[in-house]
Amino acid sequence: MQLLAKLWKENKGLAAFLFLMVLFRGAIADWNVVPSGSMLPTLRIGDRILVDKMAYDLRIPLTHQRLAYLSQPQRGDIVTIDSAAAHTLLVKRIVGVPGDTVAMRDNVLYINGERASYQPLDATAANVAPDAGAAYFTEAVGGMAHTVRLSPLAPSPRRSFGPVPVPAGQYLMLGDNRDNSADSRYYGFFPREEIMGRTRRVAFSLDPEHYYLPRLQRFGAELDGARG
């Protein structure tokens, strides 16, 4: 007992710091690693994104238990989802909110009957390395505009769907890398309670293809489509 008391006395400052860090990351803000290319070119493998966990809800730390609603997710938001269907944490963009009707025809998006416009971008404008197998466009529809990546040589078998109405309490989400993203086309609508937070900025980024060297230009970068 004396040893435990001594250890507590010597380390209570560290224990308090760790407790507050867990509380902060569990309920207020966190950073998450981007493990896949499903959100290219907006997010890259190796990005560490800042996640505002109080963007929509106040929750008991480390749980889904909501204490208060703070705001509603909006079309165009990039969010993290603790998905029961996917059995993992996902990062996707909200494309359809409750009440919307969404459709896609050969990777052309329609929201409430409005056809998205597409402005071609070269790799430099899309802020990516040249890739012969990719085509980049600014997609604008329903009050949102952001860059999407298409793969003309290997299009997704689910590049067309709908129209589908988005039910109350549910959200339709897509990856910006439209031909290589497991999203609502595979998992269905995502429930409101699975949305864990919103991201608008990269904290820092490490390049796994180059010995995890830092991508300094990505540090603090604001994300495509982020709104103030």
Protein backbone atom coordinates (compact mmCIF):
# COMPACT_ATOMS: atom_id res chain seq x y z
CA MET A 1 0.00 0.00 0.00
CA GLN A 2 2.84 2.36 0.83
CA LEU A 3 4.39 1.63 -2.57
CA LEU A 4 1.11 2.39 -4.32
CA ALA A 5 0.72 5.60 -2.34
CA LYS A 6 4.26 6.63 -3.27
CA LEU A 7 3.69 5.85 -6.95
CA TRP A 8 0.47 7.85 -6.92
CA LYS A 9 2.13 10.81 -5.24
CA GLU A 10 4.99 10.79 -7.74
CA ASN A 11 2.80 10.31 -10.80
CA LYS A 12 -0.53 11.99 -10.06
CA GLY A 13 0.37 14.85 -12.38
CA LEU A 14 0.93 12.42 -15.24
CA ALA A 15 -2.27 10.54 -14.37
CA ALA A 16 -4.26 13.78 -14.42
CA PHE A 17 -2.73 14.73 -17.77
CA LEU A 18 -3.59 11.33 -19.29
CA PHE A 19 -7.14 11.52 -17.93
CA LEU A 20 -7.66 14.98 -19.42
CA MET A 21 -6.14 13.88 -22.73
CA VAL A 22 -8.53 10.90 -22.95
CA LEU A 23 -11.44 13.20 -22.03
CA PHE A 24 -10.40 15.74 -24.68
CA ARG A 25 -9.87 13.19 -27.45
CA GLY A 26 -13.00 11.27 -26.52
CA ALA A 27 -15.45 14.17 -26.42
CA ILE A 28 -13.96 17.37 -27.87
CA ALA A 29 -11.39 16.81 -30.62
CA ASP A 30 -9.16 14.07 -31.97
CA TRP A 31 -6.96 13.24 -34.89
CA ASN A 32 -7.43 10.22 -37.13
CA VAL A 33 -5.13 8.53 -39.63
CA VAL A 34 -6.38 8.27 -43.22
CA PRO A 35 -5.73 4.59 -44.11
CA SER A 36 -7.03 4.42 -47.68
CA GLY A 37 -7.36 6.42 -50.88
CA SER A 38 -11.18 6.51 -50.95
CA MET A 39 -11.20 10.30 -50.44
CA LEU A 40 -8.52 11.17 -53.00
CA PRO A 41 -7.57 13.81 -53.91
CA THR A 42 -9.07 15.62 -50.90
CA LEU A 43 -7.43 13.26 -48.39
CA ARG A 44 -4.32 11.19 -48.97
CA ILE A 45 -3.08 7.99 -47.40
CA GLY A 46 -0.95 9.05 -44.44
CA ASP A 47 -2.84 12.26 -43.68
CA ARG A 48 -3.70 12.86 -40.04
CA ILE A 49 -6.95 14.82 -39.94
CA LEU A 50 -8.26 17.00 -37.14
CA VAL A 51 -11.74 15.85 -36.08
CA ASP A 52 -14.11 18.20 -34.28
CA LYS A 53 -16.15 15.84 -32.11
CA MET A 54 -18.37 18.67 -30.89
CA ALA A 55 -19.36 19.77 -34.39
CA TYR A 56 -22.77 18.09 -34.06
CA ASP A 57 -23.16 16.56 -30.60
CA LEU A 58 -21.98 16.62 -27.02
CA ARG A 59 -21.29 13.02 -26.00
CA ILE A 60 -20.06 11.14 -22.98
CA PRO A 61 -16.35 10.51 -23.73
CA LEU A 62 -15.54 7.21 -25.48
CA THR A 63 -19.22 6.38 -26.01
CA HIS A 64 -22.03 7.06 -28.48
CA GLN A 65 -24.19 8.35 -25.61
CA ARG A 66 -25.39 11.80 -26.64
CA LEU A 67 -25.91 14.48 -24.00
CA ALA A 68 -27.05 17.23 -26.36
CA TYR A 69 -27.57 18.02 -30.04
CA LEU A 70 -25.43 20.98 -31.12
CA SER A 71 -26.07 21.15 -34.88
CA GLN A 72 -27.03 19.03 -37.86
CA PRO A 73 -24.60 17.60 -40.43
CA GLN A 74 -24.72 19.46 -43.73
CA ARG A 75 -24.36 18.40 -47.35
CA GLY A 76 -20.68 18.63 -48.30
CA ASP A 77 -19.31 18.03 -44.80
CA ILE A 78 -16.45 15.54 -44.49
CA VAL A 79 -17.19 13.35 -41.48
CA THR A 80 -15.93 10.36 -39.57
CA ILE A 81 -18.41 7.49 -39.14
CA ASP A 82 -18.19 4.66 -36.62
CA SER A 83 -19.98 2.34 -39.02
CA ALA A 84 -21.69 -0.81 -37.78
CA ALA A 85 -22.18 -1.96 -41.38
CA ALA A 86 -18.51 -1.55 -42.31
CA HIS A 87 -17.21 -2.61 -38.86
CA THR A 88 -14.66 0.21 -38.93
CA LEU A 89 -14.19 3.98 -38.75
CA LEU A 90 -14.82 5.60 -42.14
CA VAL A 91 -14.13 9.07 -43.53
CA LYS A 92 -16.61 10.18 -46.20
CA ARG A 93 -18.38 13.22 -47.59
CA ILE A 94 -22.08 13.81 -46.93
CA VAL A 95 -23.86 14.04 -50.27
CA GLY A 96 -27.48 13.51 -49.26
CA VAL A 97 -29.20 14.76 -46.09
CA PRO A 98 -32.63 13.67 -44.81
CA GLY A 99 -35.31 14.60 -47.33
CA ASP A 100 -32.96 14.72 -50.34
CA THR A 101 -33.40 12.53 -53.41
CA VAL A 102 -30.04 11.43 -54.81
CA ALA A 103 -29.12 9.66 -58.04
CA MET A 104 -25.98 8.95 -60.06
CA ARG A 105 -25.70 8.18 -63.76
CA ASP A 106 -22.25 7.10 -65.00
CA ASN A 107 -20.61 9.05 -62.15
CA VAL A 108 -22.73 12.15 -62.78
CA LEU A 109 -24.43 13.15 -59.51
CA TYR A 110 -28.01 14.44 -59.23
CA ILE A 111 -29.43 15.96 -56.05
CA ASN A 112 -33.15 16.73 -55.93
CA GLY A 113 -33.21 16.62 -59.73
CA GLU A 114 -30.30 19.06 -60.13
CA ARG A 115 -27.47 17.72 -62.27
CA ALA A 116 -23.96 18.40 -60.97
CA SER A 117 -21.62 20.44 -63.16
CA TYR A 118 -18.09 19.15 -63.79
CA GLN A 119 -15.08 21.33 -64.54
CA PRO A 120 -12.00 19.34 -65.67
CA LEU A 121 -8.79 19.85 -63.71
CA ASP A 122 -5.23 18.85 -64.53
CA ALA A 123 -3.07 17.19 -61.87
CA THR A 124 -1.43 20.49 -60.90
CA ALA A 125 -4.79 22.17 -60.30
CA ALA A 126 -5.94 19.14 -58.32
CA ASN A 127 -2.72 19.36 -56.28
CA VAL A 128 -1.70 15.76 -57.00
CA ALA A 129 1.06 13.98 -58.89
CA PRO A 130 0.29 13.15 -62.56
CA ASP A 131 -1.61 9.87 -62.90
CA ALA A 132 -2.44 8.46 -66.34
CA GLY A 133 -5.26 6.38 -64.87
CA ALA A 134 -7.11 9.26 -63.20
CA ALA A 135 -9.24 12.21 -64.24
CA TYR A 136 -10.04 15.10 -61.89
CA PHE A 137 -13.04 17.41 -61.88
CA THR A 138 -14.58 20.10 -59.71
CA GLU A 139 -18.05 18.77 -58.92
CA ALA A 140 -20.63 21.42 -58.02
CA VAL A 141 -24.23 20.69 -57.01
CA GLY A 142 -26.62 21.39 -54.16
CA GLY A 143 -24.56 24.22 -52.69
CA MET A 144 -21.31 22.21 -52.47
CA ALA A 145 -18.24 22.19 -54.70
CA HIS A 146 -15.19 19.96 -54.34
CA THR A 147 -12.71 17.92 -56.36
CA VAL A 148 -13.51 14.35 -57.32
CA ARG A 149 -11.28 11.67 -58.84
CA LEU A 150 -12.56 9.32 -61.54
CA SER A 151 -10.86 6.28 -63.08
CA PRO A 152 -11.95 6.13 -66.75
CA LEU A 153 -10.00 2.92 -67.37
CA ALA A 154 -11.45 1.14 -64.32
CA PRO A 155 -14.88 2.63 -63.54
CA SER A 156 -16.81 1.47 -60.50
CA PRO A 157 -19.53 -1.13 -61.11
CA ARG A 158 -21.70 1.10 -58.91
CA ARG A 159 -21.21 4.35 -60.82
CA SER A 160 -25.00 4.49 -61.32
CA PHE A 161 -27.80 4.24 -58.75
CA GLY A 162 -31.15 5.69 -57.74
CA PRO A 163 -32.89 7.95 -57.54
CA VAL A 164 -33.22 7.16 -53.84
CA PRO A 165 -34.85 9.28 -51.12
CA VAL A 166 -32.76 9.80 -47.99
CA PRO A 167 -34.82 8.80 -44.91
CA ALA A 168 -35.15 10.82 -41.72
CA GLY A 169 -32.17 10.37 -39.43
CA GLN A 170 -30.02 8.91 -42.23
CA TYR A 171 -27.31 10.28 -44.55
CA LEU A 172 -26.01 9.27 -47.95
CA MET A 173 -22.23 9.49 -48.17
CA LEU A 174 -19.72 9.05 -50.96
CA GLY A 175 -15.96 9.08 -51.26
CA ASP A 176 -14.37 11.73 -53.48
CA ASN A 177 -12.46 8.91 -55.23
CA ARG A 178 -15.69 7.83 -56.87
CA ASP A 179 -14.45 4.71 -58.64
CA ASN A 180 -12.60 3.36 -55.60
CA SER A 181 -14.66 4.01 -52.49
CA ALA A 182 -16.75 1.73 -50.28
CA ASP A 183 -19.51 4.12 -49.19
CA SER A 184 -23.32 4.32 -49.21
CA ARG A 185 -23.36 2.45 -52.52
CA TYR A 186 -22.13 -0.60 -50.57
CA TYR A 187 -23.21 0.00 -46.95
CA GLY A 188 -26.45 1.90 -47.45
CA PHE A 189 -27.45 5.03 -45.56
CA PHE A 190 -25.47 5.93 -42.45
CA PRO A 191 -27.45 6.69 -39.25
CA ARG A 192 -27.08 10.08 -37.60
CA GLU A 193 -25.80 8.51 -34.36
CA GLU A 194 -22.83 6.92 -36.17
CA ILE A 195 -21.46 10.29 -37.25
CA MET A 196 -18.66 11.00 -34.77
CA GLY A 197 -17.32 14.34 -35.95
CA ARG A 198 -16.43 16.69 -38.79
CA THR A 199 -13.02 17.40 -40.30
CA ARG A 200 -11.98 20.55 -42.11
CA ARG A 201 -8.22 20.46 -41.85
CA VAL A 202 -5.19 18.16 -42.04
CA ALA A 203 -3.10 18.18 -38.87
CA PHE A 204 0.00 16.69 -40.47
CA SER A 205 0.86 14.11 -43.09
CA LEU A 206 3.44 11.34 -43.54
CA ASP A 207 4.14 9.77 -46.93
CA PRO A 208 4.08 5.94 -46.67
CA GLU A 209 5.55 5.60 -50.17
CA HIS A 210 8.65 7.60 -49.24
CA TYR A 211 9.77 6.20 -45.87
CA TYR A 212 7.04 8.14 -44.01
CA LEU A 213 8.76 11.44 -44.64
CA PRO A 214 6.59 14.43 -43.73
CA ARG A 215 4.57 16.12 -46.45
CA LEU A 216 5.19 19.61 -45.16
CA GLN A 217 2.81 21.21 -47.65
CA ARG A 218 -0.03 19.19 -46.10
CA PHE A 219 0.57 20.40 -42.54
CA GLY A 220 -2.44 22.48 -41.48
CA ALA A 221 -3.96 22.31 -44.99
CA GLU A 222 -7.62 23.27 -45.24
CA LEU A 223 -9.70 20.59 -46.90
CA ASP A 224 -11.42 20.97 -50.24
CA GLY A 225 -14.99 22.08 -49.74
CA ALA A 226 -14.51 23.17 -46.10
CA ARG A 227 -16.79 25.98 -45.01
CA GLY A 228 -16.31 28.53 -42.28
